[in-house]
Structures are given as C-alpha cells and as structure tokens.
Amino acid sequence: MSKTVTLQLSEDEAEILVDALESDLEGYVEAARDARANRNHNEVATFTAASERIGTVLKKVQALIP
C-alpha cells in the first residue's frame, strides 16, 4: 500500500495541477489508442493503467476546487 501524503495548495495551484493532469491523461489515452492500433497489447495495458491512475488523482484534485 502506498503511503498517504498531505499537500497544502492554493486554489490556483490546484487548478494548475488539474490542467497538468488533464494534459498528461490526454497523452496516455492517445498512447493507448496508438498502441491498440499497432496491436501492442502490453503497451495498451500499461498506458490504460496509467491513464486510470491519473484519472483517479485528477478527480481527487478536482473535488478540492470549489
């Protein structure tokens, strides 16, 4: 199990983090799509798992922004 950390961010900083996570998520979704087109099943699994983890973190940070 991963260790939990606590961050203190301003709303602006949280919004910056959301923007960065959204961009990163887009990149992994695109990479998974390309890997699927190339029939590279290992990469599809890797990029899909990464995009799911990023999506989870993104939702947590978005919930902090009013």
C-alpha atoms as a PDB file:
ATOM      1  CA  MET A   1       0.000   0.000   0.000  1.00  0.00           C
ATOM      2  CA  SER A   2       1.229   3.460  -0.826  1.00  0.00           C
ATOM      3  CA  LYS A   3       1.961   5.936   1.909  1.00  0.00           C
ATOM      4  CA  THR A   4      -0.529   8.796   2.126  1.00  0.00           C
ATOM      5  CA  VAL A   5       0.787  12.361   1.905  1.00  0.00           C
ATOM      6  CA  THR A   6      -0.888  15.646   2.699  1.00  0.00           C
ATOM      7  CA  LEU A   7      -0.452  18.680   0.460  1.00  0.00           C
ATOM      8  CA  GLN A   8      -1.474  22.245   1.062  1.00  0.00           C
ATOM      9  CA  LEU A   9      -2.288  24.025  -2.180  1.00  0.00           C
ATOM     10  CA  SER A  10      -3.941  27.285  -3.046  1.00  0.00           C
ATOM     11  CA  GLU A  11      -6.931  27.081  -5.387  1.00  0.00           C
ATOM     12  CA  ASP A  12      -4.733  28.447  -8.178  1.00  0.00           C
ATOM     13  CA  GLU A  13      -2.131  25.757  -7.557  1.00  0.00           C
ATOM     14  CA  ALA A  14      -4.811  23.056  -7.539  1.00  0.00           C
ATOM     15  CA  GLU A  15      -6.126  24.372 -10.867  1.00  0.00           C
ATOM     16  CA  ILE A  16      -2.603  24.264 -12.310  1.00  0.00           C
ATOM     17  CA  LEU A  17      -2.308  20.675 -11.142  1.00  0.00           C
ATOM     18  CA  VAL A  18      -5.672  19.827 -12.735  1.00  0.00           C
ATOM     19  CA  ASP A  19      -4.546  21.328 -16.047  1.00  0.00           C
ATOM     20  CA  ALA A  20      -1.293  19.341 -15.952  1.00  0.00           C
ATOM     21  CA  LEU A  21      -3.097  16.099 -15.071  1.00  0.00           C
ATOM     22  CA  GLU A  22      -5.640  16.619 -17.857  1.00  0.00           C
ATOM     23  CA  SER A  23      -2.836  17.104 -20.351  1.00  0.00           C
ATOM     24  CA  ASP A  24      -0.989  14.044 -19.064  1.00  0.00           C
ATOM     25  CA  LEU A  25      -4.193  11.999 -19.182  1.00  0.00           C
ATOM     26  CA  GLU A  26      -4.760  13.010 -22.804  1.00  0.00           C
ATOM     27  CA  GLY A  27      -1.246  11.855 -23.680  1.00  0.00           C
ATOM     28  CA  TYR A  28      -1.727   8.433 -22.112  1.00  0.00           C
ATOM     29  CA  VAL A  29      -5.147   7.945 -23.706  1.00  0.00           C
ATOM     30  CA  GLU A  30      -3.620   8.822 -27.087  1.00  0.00           C
ATOM     31  CA  ALA A  31      -0.685   6.480 -26.469  1.00  0.00           C
ATOM     32  CA  ALA A  32      -3.071   3.644 -25.586  1.00  0.00           C
ATOM     33  CA  ARG A  33      -5.044   4.329 -28.764  1.00  0.00           C
ATOM     34  CA  ASP A  34      -1.862   4.197 -30.848  1.00  0.00           C
ATOM     35  CA  ALA A  35      -0.694   1.016 -29.132  1.00  0.00           C
ATOM     36  CA  ARG A  36      -4.086  -0.559 -29.783  1.00  0.00           C
ATOM     37  CA  ALA A  37      -3.836   0.380 -33.461  1.00  0.00           C
ATOM     38  CA  ASN A  38      -0.367  -1.215 -33.561  1.00  0.00           C
ATOM     39  CA  ARG A  39      -1.684  -4.311 -31.754  1.00  0.00           C
ATOM     40  CA  ASN A  40       0.833  -3.882 -28.950  1.00  0.00           C
ATOM     41  CA  HIS A  41      -1.176  -5.389 -26.103  1.00  0.00           C
ATOM     42  CA  ASN A  42       1.467  -4.845 -23.423  1.00  0.00           C
ATOM     43  CA  GLU A  43       1.636  -1.126 -24.133  1.00  0.00           C
ATOM     44  CA  VAL A  44      -2.158  -0.875 -24.273  1.00  0.00           C
ATOM     45  CA  ALA A  45      -2.347  -2.356 -20.778  1.00  0.00           C
ATOM     46  CA  THR A  46       0.433  -0.109 -19.466  1.00  0.00           C
ATOM     47  CA  PHE A  47      -0.959   3.113 -20.905  1.00  0.00           C
ATOM     48  CA  THR A  48      -4.530   2.254 -19.919  1.00  0.00           C
ATOM     49  CA  ALA A  49      -3.488   1.547 -16.328  1.00  0.00           C
ATOM     50  CA  ALA A  50      -1.547   4.811 -16.204  1.00  0.00           C
ATOM     51  CA  SER A  51      -4.488   6.793 -17.566  1.00  0.00           C
ATOM     52  CA  GLU A  52      -6.813   5.228 -14.987  1.00  0.00           C
ATOM     53  CA  ARG A  53      -4.465   6.155 -12.134  1.00  0.00           C
ATOM     54  CA  ILE A  54      -4.094   9.699 -13.448  1.00  0.00           C
ATOM     55  CA  GLY A  55      -7.880   9.946 -13.773  1.00  0.00           C
ATOM     56  CA  THR A  56      -8.283   8.933 -10.128  1.00  0.00           C
ATOM     57  CA  VAL A  57      -5.829  11.579  -8.952  1.00  0.00           C
ATOM     58  CA  LEU A  58      -7.431  14.154 -11.250  1.00  0.00           C
ATOM     59  CA  LYS A  59     -10.865  13.534  -9.714  1.00  0.00           C
ATOM     60  CA  LYS A  60      -9.450  13.909  -6.197  1.00  0.00           C
ATOM     61  CA  VAL A  61      -7.840  17.245  -7.011  1.00  0.00           C
ATOM     62  CA  GLN A  62     -10.919  18.498  -8.884  1.00  0.00           C
ATOM     63  CA  ALA A  63     -13.040  17.740  -5.820  1.00  0.00           C
ATOM     64  CA  LEU A  64     -10.917  20.193  -3.833  1.00  0.00           C
ATOM     65  CA  ILE A  65     -11.685  23.108  -6.128  1.00  0.00           C
ATOM     66  CA  PRO A  66     -14.962  24.919  -5.414  1.00  0.00           C
END
